[in-house]
Protein backbone atom coordinates (compact mmCIF):
# COMPACT_ATOMS: atom_id res chain seq x y z
CA MET A 1 0.08 0.08 -0.03
CA SER A 2 2.76 2.42 0.76
CA ALA A 3 3.88 2.23 -3.22
CA VAL A 4 0.16 3.39 -4.01
CA ARG A 5 0.30 6.15 -1.69
CA VAL A 6 3.63 7.42 -3.09
CA LEU A 7 1.89 6.92 -6.80
CA LEU A 8 -1.06 8.85 -5.76
CA ALA A 9 0.79 11.67 -3.94
CA LEU A 10 3.08 11.85 -7.31
CA CYS A 11 0.09 11.91 -9.71
CA CYS A 12 -1.83 14.47 -7.56
CA CYS A 13 1.05 16.76 -7.77
CA CYS A 14 1.61 16.31 -11.62
CA CYS A 15 -1.97 16.37 -12.94
CA ARG A 16 -2.37 20.45 -13.37
CA PRO A 17 -5.55 21.55 -15.30
CA PRO A 18 -4.78 22.24 -19.00
CA ARG A 19 -4.16 25.42 -20.65
CA ALA A 20 -6.39 26.33 -23.82
CA ALA A 21 -4.84 26.04 -27.33
CA GLY A 22 -7.49 26.66 -29.69
CA GLN A 23 -10.28 24.38 -29.83
CA VAL A 24 -9.31 21.34 -27.66
CA ILE A 25 -10.60 18.35 -25.70
CA GLU A 26 -9.70 18.92 -21.94
CA CYS A 27 -8.53 15.73 -20.34
CA ALA A 28 -10.79 13.96 -17.97
CA PRO A 29 -9.60 14.33 -14.48
CA CYS A 30 -7.70 11.70 -12.85
CA ASP A 31 -9.58 10.05 -10.03
CA ALA A 32 -8.95 7.62 -7.57
CA ALA A 33 -9.68 4.41 -9.78
CA ALA A 34 -7.69 5.15 -12.61
CA LEU A 35 -4.72 5.94 -10.36
CA LEU A 36 -5.09 2.70 -8.44
CA SER A 37 -4.91 1.18 -11.95
CA CYS A 38 -1.70 2.38 -12.70
CA PRO A 39 1.74 0.25 -12.32
CA PRO A 40 4.03 0.65 -9.43
CA PRO A 41 6.50 3.52 -9.96
CA ARG A 42 10.00 2.44 -11.20
CA ARG A 43 13.58 3.59 -10.13
CA CYS A 44 13.90 6.53 -12.69
CA GLN A 45 12.78 10.01 -13.04
CA LEU A 46 8.97 9.99 -13.32
CA VAL A 47 6.78 12.05 -15.11
CA ARG A 48 3.17 12.31 -16.17
CA GLU A 49 2.03 10.29 -19.16
CA ALA A 50 1.77 11.99 -22.46
CA ARG A 51 -1.80 13.26 -23.45
CA CYS A 52 -4.37 12.59 -21.02
CA GLY A 53 -2.69 9.79 -19.20
CA CYS A 54 -2.93 9.54 -15.20
CA CYS A 55 -0.10 7.13 -14.43
CA LEU A 56 3.27 7.84 -14.06
CA THR A 57 6.09 6.93 -16.73
CA CYS A 58 10.06 7.13 -17.00
CA ALA A 59 10.88 10.53 -18.50
CA LEU A 60 13.01 10.29 -21.70
CA ALA A 61 16.86 10.41 -21.14
CA GLU A 62 19.35 12.82 -23.11
CA GLY A 63 19.64 11.59 -26.85
CA GLU A 64 16.31 9.74 -26.84
CA PRO A 65 13.68 10.12 -29.50
CA CYS A 66 10.73 12.11 -28.72
CA GLY A 67 7.91 14.31 -30.26
CA VAL A 68 4.48 16.56 -29.37
CA TYR A 69 2.84 13.26 -28.58
CA SER A 70 5.73 11.00 -27.22
CA ALA A 71 6.72 10.66 -23.67
CA ARG A 72 8.15 13.33 -21.99
CA CYS A 73 11.77 14.55 -21.83
CA ALA A 74 13.54 14.51 -18.25
CA ALA A 75 13.84 17.69 -16.36
CA ALA A 76 16.44 20.32 -18.17
CA LEU A 77 15.92 18.70 -21.64
CA ARG A 78 14.06 19.81 -24.41
CA CYS A 79 12.42 17.95 -27.46
CA VAL A 80 14.09 19.70 -30.24
CA PRO A 81 14.65 18.92 -34.16
CA ARG A 82 17.52 16.79 -35.13
CA ALA A 83 20.66 18.48 -37.18
CA GLY A 84 19.52 18.69 -41.02
CA GLU A 85 15.78 18.49 -40.53
CA SER A 86 14.14 20.24 -43.10
CA ALA A 87 10.56 20.36 -41.57
CA PRO A 88 11.20 20.65 -38.10
CA LEU A 89 7.79 21.11 -36.69
CA GLN A 90 6.56 18.22 -38.87
CA ALA A 91 9.38 16.16 -37.09
CA LEU A 92 7.98 17.02 -33.61
CA LEU A 93 4.33 16.28 -34.46
CA GLN A 94 5.83 12.88 -36.02
CA GLY A 95 7.86 12.01 -33.05
CA ARG A 96 11.07 12.34 -34.77
CA GLY A 97 12.72 14.89 -32.41
CA VAL A 98 15.50 14.29 -29.58
CA CYS A 99 15.53 14.97 -25.88
CA TRP A 100 18.44 17.51 -25.68
CA ARG A 101 19.84 19.91 -23.30
CA GLY A 102 19.50 23.37 -24.32
CA ALA A 103 23.01 25.44 -24.79
CA GLN A 104 23.13 27.75 -21.54
CA ARG A 105 24.96 31.11 -20.88
CA GLY A 106 28.76 30.34 -20.17
CA GLY A 107 28.42 26.20 -20.79
CA LYS A 108 28.66 24.01 -23.64
CA ALA A 109 26.65 23.52 -26.53
CA ASN A 110 26.29 21.53 -29.75
CA ASP A 111 27.61 22.39 -33.34
CA GLY A 112 24.11 21.89 -34.55
CA ILE A 113 22.90 25.00 -32.84
CA LEU A 114 23.88 27.67 -35.16
CA VAL A 115 23.72 31.60 -33.78
CA SER A 116 22.68 34.08 -36.45
CA LYS A 117 22.70 38.06 -35.39
CA GLU A 118 19.34 39.78 -35.60
CA SER A 119 20.23 42.88 -33.66
CA ASP A 120 18.14 45.30 -36.47
CA ILE A 121 14.83 43.84 -34.98
CA PRO A 122 12.51 46.85 -34.20
CA TYR A 123 11.58 47.28 -30.67
CA ASP A 124 7.88 47.52 -30.92
CA ILE A 125 8.12 44.24 -32.69
CA MET A 126 9.88 42.58 -29.83
CA GLN A 127 7.56 44.40 -27.73
CA LYS A 128 4.32 42.58 -29.53
CA PHE A 129 5.92 39.05 -28.93
CA GLY A 130 6.48 39.67 -25.19
CA GLN A 131 9.92 40.58 -24.68
CA ARG A 132 10.57 40.12 -21.08
CA GLU A 133 12.69 41.65 -18.27
CA GLY A 134 14.13 44.15 -20.66
CA HIS A 135 16.45 41.92 -22.75
CA HIS A 136 16.99 43.05 -26.18
CA PRO A 137 17.46 40.07 -29.14
CA LYS A 138 20.94 39.20 -29.59
CA GLY A 139 20.34 36.62 -32.25
CA THR A 140 18.16 33.68 -32.84
CA VAL A 141 18.99 29.95 -32.69
CA HIS A 142 18.37 27.34 -35.40
CA SER A 143 16.58 24.48 -34.19
CA ALA A 144 18.92 21.99 -35.49
CA ILE A 145 20.79 19.49 -32.98
CA ASN A 146 23.59 16.93 -33.71
CA PRO A 147 24.34 14.93 -30.41
CA SER A 148 27.36 13.06 -31.64
CA LYS A 149 29.57 16.37 -31.90
CA PRO A 150 29.70 18.10 -28.78
CA THR A 151 31.72 21.60 -29.15
CA SER A 152 31.51 24.98 -27.37
CA ILE A 153 30.51 28.12 -28.78
CA THR A 154 30.70 31.91 -27.71
CA THR A 155 27.58 33.17 -28.30
CA GLN A 156 24.62 31.26 -26.71
CA LEU A 157 21.06 32.81 -26.51
CA PRO A 158 18.23 32.01 -23.87
CA VAL A 159 14.43 31.07 -25.41
CA SER A 160 13.11 34.21 -24.99
CA GLU A 161 15.74 35.26 -27.61
CA TYR A 162 14.42 33.20 -30.28
CA GLY A 163 13.02 34.61 -33.41
CA PRO A 164 9.30 35.67 -33.14
CA CYS A 165 7.93 32.94 -35.14
CA ARG A 166 9.88 30.09 -33.41
CA ARG A 167 8.79 31.33 -30.04
CA GLU A 168 5.09 31.23 -30.99
CA MET A 169 5.63 27.89 -32.09
CA GLN A 170 7.27 26.69 -29.00
CA ALA A 171 4.41 28.12 -26.99
CA ILE A 172 1.90 26.42 -29.01
CA LEU A 173 3.76 23.13 -28.53
CA GLU A 174 3.96 23.70 -24.64
CA ASP A 175 0.38 24.21 -24.53
CA LEU A 176 -0.09 20.81 -26.27
CA LYS A 177 1.64 18.53 -23.68
CA PRO A 178 -1.33 18.33 -21.27
CA GLN A 179 -3.85 18.05 -24.17
CA TYR A 180 -4.67 17.10 -27.68
CA PRO A 181 -6.16 19.06 -30.63
CA HIS A 182 -9.87 18.09 -31.40
CA SER A 183 -9.12 18.00 -34.82
CA PRO A 184 -5.78 19.13 -37.07
CA GLY A 185 -8.17 21.88 -38.67
CA ASP A 186 -8.50 23.57 -35.46
CA LEU A 187 -5.00 24.18 -34.78
CA TYR A 188 -2.92 26.85 -36.51
CA ILE A 189 0.85 26.41 -36.25
CA PRO A 190 3.14 29.30 -37.58
CA ASN A 191 5.32 28.51 -40.64
CA CYS A 192 8.94 29.34 -39.49
CA ASP A 193 12.12 29.84 -41.35
CA THR A 194 15.23 28.04 -39.81
CA ARG A 195 16.37 31.15 -38.32
CA GLY A 196 12.95 31.38 -36.21
CA PHE A 197 11.26 34.35 -38.33
CA TYR A 198 7.88 33.70 -40.12
CA ARG A 199 7.77 32.78 -43.85
CA ARG A 200 6.07 34.94 -46.08
CA LYS A 201 2.78 32.40 -46.55
CA GLN A 202 1.01 31.44 -43.50
CA CYS A 203 -1.95 28.92 -43.89
CA ARG A 204 -4.32 27.10 -41.54
CA PRO A 205 -4.67 23.55 -41.82
CA SER A 206 -6.58 21.74 -44.48
CA ARG A 207 -10.05 19.86 -43.59
CA GLY A 208 -10.51 17.04 -45.82
CA ARG A 209 -10.58 18.20 -49.49
CA LYS A 210 -10.96 22.07 -48.42
CA ARG A 211 -7.89 23.82 -48.23
CA GLY A 212 -7.01 26.13 -45.31
CA GLN A 213 -7.28 29.90 -45.65
CA CYS A 214 -3.68 31.64 -46.40
CA TRP A 215 -2.35 34.80 -46.32
CA CYS A 216 0.97 36.79 -46.44
CA VAL A 217 2.86 38.20 -43.30
CA ASP A 218 6.22 39.95 -43.10
CA ARG A 219 9.42 38.51 -41.13
CA TYR A 220 7.78 39.22 -37.76
CA GLY A 221 4.23 37.70 -38.59
CA LEU A 222 2.35 41.19 -39.26
CA PRO A 223 -0.29 40.52 -41.86
CA VAL A 224 0.39 42.19 -45.15
CA PRO A 225 -2.87 44.31 -45.68
CA GLY A 226 -5.21 43.16 -48.69
CA THR A 227 -4.08 39.61 -48.41
CA GLU A 228 -6.41 38.07 -46.00
CA SER A 229 -9.25 37.49 -48.41
CA ARG A 230 -7.28 35.55 -50.48
CA GLY A 231 -8.78 32.17 -49.66
CA ARG A 232 -6.46 29.83 -50.78
CA GLY A 233 -3.72 32.07 -50.63
CA GLY A 234 -1.95 32.44 -53.87
CA HIS A 235 1.80 33.62 -54.14
CA CYS A 236 3.07 35.91 -51.59
CA THR A 237 5.25 37.96 -53.79
CA PRO A 238 7.86 40.00 -52.12
CA SER A 239 6.14 43.52 -51.48
CA ALA A 240 7.24 46.66 -50.34
CA SER A 241 6.76 45.50 -46.56
CA PHE A 242 8.94 42.46 -46.96
CA GLU A 243 11.72 44.51 -48.79
CA GLN A 244 11.88 46.80 -45.97
CA SER A 245 12.52 43.88 -43.62
CA GLY A 246 15.20 41.97 -45.99
CA ASP A 247 13.07 38.95 -46.07
CA VAL A 248 12.47 37.45 -49.59
CA ARG A 249 11.40 33.61 -48.49
CA SER A 250 8.18 32.07 -48.96
C-alpha cells in the first residue's frame, strides 16, 4: 500500500489543469480508480504520461527520440528537431525529435545549434512578442541538434531571444503537452524559417478536401494588408513590407 500512496501523491502533484490552445478536448480528471490501475513506480525520473494519461512513467533521457505526443523528456531537457531536419515542426509532430539539453549561457552547446545575428529587430516588434525583463534580441537559434559532435560556442541565447515565429511555435507546442487537438483543422501552427522568423506565406490546416485559408505576413508575423481575403492564398510575392525587412523567403 505504501507504493500506491506514493503513486497517488506524485500523480496529484503532476496533474495540473490544462491550458487552452484553440479548440481542444480537455483531459478528464484522474480519479482514484484511474490512479489505482497504474503500475507501481519504477526507479527512474517519473513524469506524467503524454496526452491525457493519469499514470507516471519514466522520463526520456538525453539523446532519446521524442515528439509532441511522445513521452516527456527528463527535467532540464527539451524536445528539439535533429540536425539537418528540413521540416522541424513536422518532425516534432511525428515523434522524430530528440531530447537535448539546451545551450546555457557560459556552458557547452552543440555544433548543431547555430547562432545568427538579428540585432536589427525593431523594438515595437519585440514588445509585441513579449520580450521580458528588458532583454534585447542578440540573435536567434537554429532548431538543429547534432548530439554526436559536442563543441563549445561563444554566443548562446536564452529561449526568450529566439526569433518571434519560433517563440510562438514553442508556446503552442508547450500548450499541447497536457492536451490534444480536437481536429488538425482547429490548430494553427506558424510556418517558420530556420532562423525562427515567419515565412511569407502562412496557412491554416486543411479540412479534408477543403484547403486551409492562407495569408501573407512579413518576417515578424504582421499580416500584409489586402492578403487576408485570398482564401487559398495565392503566391506571396515580395512586397515593399518584405523588402524593408530584408525578407525574400516564401
